[in-house]
Amino acid sequence: MTTELQEPKTGLVLGYNGAHPFSRVDLTDRASVQELLRTLLDPLEPFFSPHKARVRVPGGTAVRFDQTAADVEGICRPLWGLACLLAGGGEYRGTP
């Protein structure tokens, strides 16, 4: 039995009026998951601090701590994915 993704009738968060684009990604093997992770990491590059210790993305945050802590969290969360990518044999530019 095949079920098709039903488009919601109302808008979702992040400004999408339908299913989030990631819901259409075929995550069936390691390579596809690694490619998805790269598509998440690549847009962050322009927002790195000069010494690559923080990421400050434009727009507001919903955090309840100061901007410095938010910037550090901005780098820590992507590192979780990057560590898994590299440990699983994947590659990412700028890493050894």
N, C-alpha and C. Protein backbone atom coordinates (compact mmCIF):
# COMPACT_ATOMS: atom_id res chain seq x y z
N MET A 1 0.84 -1.17 0.00
CA MET A 1 0.00 0.00 0.00
C MET A 1 0.90 1.24 0.00
N THR A 2 0.63 2.16 -0.88
CA THR A 2 1.40 3.39 -0.96
C THR A 2 0.55 4.53 -0.42
N THR A 3 1.13 5.31 0.47
CA THR A 3 0.44 6.48 0.97
C THR A 3 1.15 7.71 0.46
N GLU A 4 0.40 8.65 0.00
CA GLU A 4 0.98 9.88 -0.50
C GLU A 4 0.90 10.95 0.57
N LEU A 5 1.87 11.83 0.55
CA LEU A 5 1.93 12.93 1.50
C LEU A 5 0.81 13.91 1.20
N GLN A 6 -0.04 14.14 2.16
CA GLN A 6 -1.14 15.07 1.99
C GLN A 6 -0.68 16.48 2.33
N GLU A 7 -0.95 17.41 1.46
CA GLU A 7 -0.61 18.80 1.72
C GLU A 7 -1.61 19.38 2.72
N PRO A 8 -1.11 20.03 3.79
CA PRO A 8 -2.03 20.64 4.75
C PRO A 8 -2.76 21.82 4.12
N LYS A 9 -3.93 22.11 4.62
CA LYS A 9 -4.72 23.20 4.08
C LYS A 9 -4.34 24.55 4.68
N THR A 10 -3.59 24.54 5.76
CA THR A 10 -3.16 25.79 6.38
C THR A 10 -1.64 25.87 6.35
N GLY A 11 -1.12 27.08 6.47
CA GLY A 11 0.32 27.27 6.46
C GLY A 11 0.99 26.64 7.67
N LEU A 12 2.20 26.20 7.47
CA LEU A 12 2.99 25.62 8.55
C LEU A 12 4.02 26.63 9.03
N VAL A 13 4.78 26.28 10.03
CA VAL A 13 5.83 27.15 10.52
C VAL A 13 6.88 27.36 9.44
N LEU A 14 7.74 28.32 9.64
CA LEU A 14 8.84 28.64 8.74
C LEU A 14 8.37 29.16 7.39
N GLY A 15 7.11 29.53 7.28
CA GLY A 15 6.63 30.11 6.05
C GLY A 15 6.30 29.12 4.94
N TYR A 16 6.29 27.84 5.23
CA TYR A 16 5.94 26.87 4.21
C TYR A 16 4.44 26.67 4.21
N ASN A 17 3.84 26.69 3.04
CA ASN A 17 2.41 26.47 2.94
C ASN A 17 2.07 25.01 2.70
N GLY A 18 3.07 24.20 2.52
CA GLY A 18 2.87 22.77 2.32
C GLY A 18 3.84 22.02 3.19
N ALA A 19 4.11 20.82 2.80
CA ALA A 19 5.05 20.01 3.56
C ALA A 19 6.45 20.61 3.46
N HIS A 20 7.21 20.52 4.53
CA HIS A 20 8.58 21.03 4.54
C HIS A 20 9.38 20.30 3.46
N PRO A 21 10.26 21.02 2.73
CA PRO A 21 11.03 20.37 1.66
C PRO A 21 11.79 19.12 2.11
N PHE A 22 12.26 19.08 3.34
CA PHE A 22 13.00 17.91 3.81
C PHE A 22 12.13 16.67 3.88
N SER A 23 10.82 16.85 3.98
CA SER A 23 9.95 15.68 4.06
C SER A 23 9.89 14.94 2.73
N ARG A 24 10.37 15.57 1.68
CA ARG A 24 10.37 14.93 0.36
C ARG A 24 11.71 14.29 0.02
N VAL A 25 12.69 14.38 0.92
CA VAL A 25 14.01 13.82 0.67
C VAL A 25 13.97 12.32 0.93
N ASP A 26 14.52 11.56 0.01
CA ASP A 26 14.57 10.11 0.14
C ASP A 26 15.78 9.73 0.97
N LEU A 27 15.57 9.45 2.24
CA LEU A 27 16.65 9.10 3.15
C LEU A 27 16.73 7.59 3.30
N THR A 28 17.21 6.96 2.26
CA THR A 28 17.24 5.50 2.26
C THR A 28 18.61 4.91 2.49
N ASP A 29 19.65 5.73 2.39
CA ASP A 29 20.99 5.20 2.58
C ASP A 29 21.90 6.26 3.20
N ARG A 30 23.10 5.86 3.56
CA ARG A 30 24.04 6.75 4.22
C ARG A 30 24.36 7.97 3.37
N ALA A 31 24.55 7.76 2.08
CA ALA A 31 24.92 8.87 1.19
C ALA A 31 23.84 9.94 1.15
N SER A 32 22.57 9.54 1.14
CA SER A 32 21.49 10.53 1.08
C SER A 32 21.39 11.31 2.39
N VAL A 33 21.64 10.66 3.51
CA VAL A 33 21.63 11.36 4.81
C VAL A 33 22.80 12.33 4.88
N GLN A 34 23.97 11.90 4.40
CA GLN A 34 25.14 12.77 4.40
C GLN A 34 24.91 13.99 3.51
N GLU A 35 24.28 13.80 2.37
CA GLU A 35 24.00 14.93 1.48
C GLU A 35 23.01 15.90 2.13
N LEU A 36 22.00 15.37 2.82
CA LEU A 36 21.05 16.23 3.51
C LEU A 36 21.77 17.07 4.57
N LEU A 37 22.68 16.46 5.29
CA LEU A 37 23.41 17.19 6.31
C LEU A 37 24.24 18.32 5.69
N ARG A 38 24.86 18.04 4.56
CA ARG A 38 25.63 19.09 3.88
C ARG A 38 24.73 20.26 3.48
N THR A 39 23.50 19.97 3.07
CA THR A 39 22.59 21.05 2.69
C THR A 39 22.16 21.87 3.90
N LEU A 40 22.24 21.29 5.09
CA LEU A 40 21.95 22.04 6.31
C LEU A 40 23.15 22.89 6.75
N LEU A 41 24.35 22.37 6.55
CA LEU A 41 25.56 23.06 7.01
C LEU A 41 25.98 24.19 6.07
N ASP A 42 25.88 23.99 4.77
CA ASP A 42 26.38 24.97 3.81
C ASP A 42 25.84 26.39 4.01
N PRO A 43 24.55 26.59 4.24
CA PRO A 43 24.04 27.95 4.39
C PRO A 43 24.55 28.69 5.63
N LEU A 44 25.12 27.97 6.59
CA LEU A 44 25.62 28.62 7.81
C LEU A 44 26.96 29.32 7.61
N GLU A 45 27.69 28.93 6.59
CA GLU A 45 29.06 29.43 6.40
C GLU A 45 29.19 30.95 6.43
N PRO A 46 28.34 31.72 5.79
CA PRO A 46 28.51 33.18 5.82
C PRO A 46 28.29 33.80 7.21
N PHE A 47 27.72 33.04 8.13
CA PHE A 47 27.37 33.59 9.43
C PHE A 47 28.35 33.21 10.54
N PHE A 48 29.46 32.57 10.17
CA PHE A 48 30.49 32.23 11.15
C PHE A 48 31.21 33.49 11.60
N SER A 49 31.65 33.50 12.85
CA SER A 49 32.48 34.59 13.36
C SER A 49 33.85 34.49 12.70
N PRO A 50 34.66 35.56 12.77
CA PRO A 50 35.97 35.54 12.11
C PRO A 50 36.86 34.36 12.51
N HIS A 51 36.79 33.93 13.76
CA HIS A 51 37.63 32.81 14.21
C HIS A 51 36.88 31.48 14.20
N LYS A 52 35.69 31.47 13.59
CA LYS A 52 34.89 30.24 13.43
C LYS A 52 34.46 29.62 14.76
N ALA A 53 34.28 30.44 15.78
CA ALA A 53 33.90 29.93 17.10
C ALA A 53 32.41 30.10 17.37
N ARG A 54 31.73 30.87 16.54
CA ARG A 54 30.30 31.15 16.75
C ARG A 54 29.59 31.21 15.40
N VAL A 55 28.29 31.04 15.46
CA VAL A 55 27.44 31.25 14.30
C VAL A 55 26.29 32.14 14.74
N ARG A 56 26.11 33.25 14.05
CA ARG A 56 24.99 34.15 14.34
C ARG A 56 24.15 34.27 13.08
N VAL A 57 23.05 33.55 13.06
CA VAL A 57 22.17 33.61 11.90
C VAL A 57 21.25 34.81 12.04
N PRO A 58 20.84 35.39 10.92
CA PRO A 58 19.98 36.57 11.00
C PRO A 58 18.60 36.21 11.55
N GLY A 59 17.96 37.20 12.08
CA GLY A 59 16.63 36.99 12.63
C GLY A 59 16.66 36.80 14.13
N GLY A 60 15.51 36.73 14.72
CA GLY A 60 15.41 36.58 16.16
C GLY A 60 15.57 35.14 16.60
N THR A 61 15.87 34.99 17.87
CA THR A 61 15.93 33.66 18.46
C THR A 61 14.87 33.59 19.55
N ALA A 62 14.56 32.41 19.95
CA ALA A 62 13.58 32.22 21.02
C ALA A 62 14.28 31.81 22.31
N VAL A 63 15.58 32.08 22.39
CA VAL A 63 16.34 31.66 23.56
C VAL A 63 16.15 32.64 24.71
N ARG A 64 16.43 32.16 25.90
CA ARG A 64 16.28 32.99 27.10
C ARG A 64 17.63 33.28 27.73
N PHE A 65 18.65 33.33 26.91
CA PHE A 65 19.97 33.69 27.41
C PHE A 65 20.59 34.71 26.47
N ASP A 66 21.77 35.20 26.80
CA ASP A 66 22.34 36.32 26.04
C ASP A 66 22.79 35.91 24.64
N GLN A 67 23.11 36.92 23.84
CA GLN A 67 23.47 36.70 22.44
C GLN A 67 24.74 35.85 22.30
N THR A 68 25.71 36.05 23.19
CA THR A 68 26.93 35.25 23.12
C THR A 68 26.62 33.77 23.27
N ALA A 69 25.79 33.43 24.24
CA ALA A 69 25.41 32.03 24.43
C ALA A 69 24.63 31.51 23.22
N ALA A 70 23.79 32.35 22.63
CA ALA A 70 23.05 31.94 21.44
C ALA A 70 24.00 31.68 20.28
N ASP A 71 25.04 32.52 20.15
CA ASP A 71 26.03 32.33 19.08
C ASP A 71 26.80 31.03 19.26
N VAL A 72 27.16 30.72 20.50
CA VAL A 72 27.88 29.48 20.78
C VAL A 72 26.97 28.28 20.48
N GLU A 73 25.71 28.38 20.86
CA GLU A 73 24.77 27.31 20.54
C GLU A 73 24.64 27.16 19.03
N GLY A 74 24.74 28.29 18.32
CA GLY A 74 24.67 28.26 16.86
C GLY A 74 25.76 27.43 16.23
N ILE A 75 26.90 27.30 16.88
CA ILE A 75 27.98 26.45 16.35
C ILE A 75 27.88 25.03 16.91
N CYS A 76 27.41 24.89 18.15
CA CYS A 76 27.37 23.56 18.78
C CYS A 76 26.37 22.63 18.11
N ARG A 77 25.21 23.12 17.80
CA ARG A 77 24.20 22.23 17.20
C ARG A 77 24.66 21.66 15.86
N PRO A 78 25.18 22.48 14.95
CA PRO A 78 25.68 21.89 13.70
C PRO A 78 26.86 20.94 13.91
N LEU A 79 27.65 21.15 14.96
CA LEU A 79 28.77 20.25 15.22
C LEU A 79 28.31 18.83 15.51
N TRP A 80 27.14 18.67 16.12
CA TRP A 80 26.62 17.32 16.37
C TRP A 80 26.47 16.57 15.05
N GLY A 81 25.89 17.23 14.08
CA GLY A 81 25.72 16.60 12.78
C GLY A 81 27.03 16.41 12.05
N LEU A 82 27.91 17.42 12.12
CA LEU A 82 29.20 17.33 11.45
C LEU A 82 30.03 16.18 12.01
N ALA A 83 30.02 16.01 13.32
CA ALA A 83 30.77 14.91 13.93
C ALA A 83 30.26 13.56 13.43
N CYS A 84 28.96 13.41 13.33
CA CYS A 84 28.39 12.15 12.82
C CYS A 84 28.75 11.95 11.35
N LEU A 85 28.70 13.03 10.57
CA LEU A 85 29.05 12.95 9.16
C LEU A 85 30.48 12.44 8.99
N LEU A 86 31.41 13.03 9.71
CA LEU A 86 32.82 12.65 9.58
C LEU A 86 33.08 11.26 10.16
N ALA A 87 32.45 10.94 11.29
CA ALA A 87 32.64 9.61 11.90
C ALA A 87 32.09 8.50 11.02
N GLY A 88 31.08 8.83 10.22
CA GLY A 88 30.49 7.84 9.33
C GLY A 88 31.18 7.72 8.00
N GLY A 89 32.35 8.37 7.87
CA GLY A 89 33.10 8.25 6.63
C GLY A 89 32.79 9.32 5.60
N GLY A 90 31.91 10.27 5.95
CA GLY A 90 31.59 11.35 5.03
C GLY A 90 32.68 12.40 5.01
N GLU A 91 32.59 13.30 4.07
CA GLU A 91 33.55 14.39 3.95
C GLU A 91 32.81 15.72 3.95
N TYR A 92 33.50 16.74 4.45
CA TYR A 92 32.96 18.09 4.41
C TYR A 92 34.12 19.05 4.20
N ARG A 93 33.95 19.97 3.28
CA ARG A 93 35.05 20.87 2.94
C ARG A 93 35.52 21.64 4.17
N GLY A 94 36.82 21.86 4.23
CA GLY A 94 37.40 22.59 5.35
C GLY A 94 37.71 21.74 6.56
N THR A 95 37.42 20.44 6.48
CA THR A 95 37.74 19.54 7.59
C THR A 95 38.84 18.59 7.15
N PRO A 96 39.65 18.14 8.11
CA PRO A 96 40.74 17.22 7.74
C PRO A 96 40.22 15.83 7.38
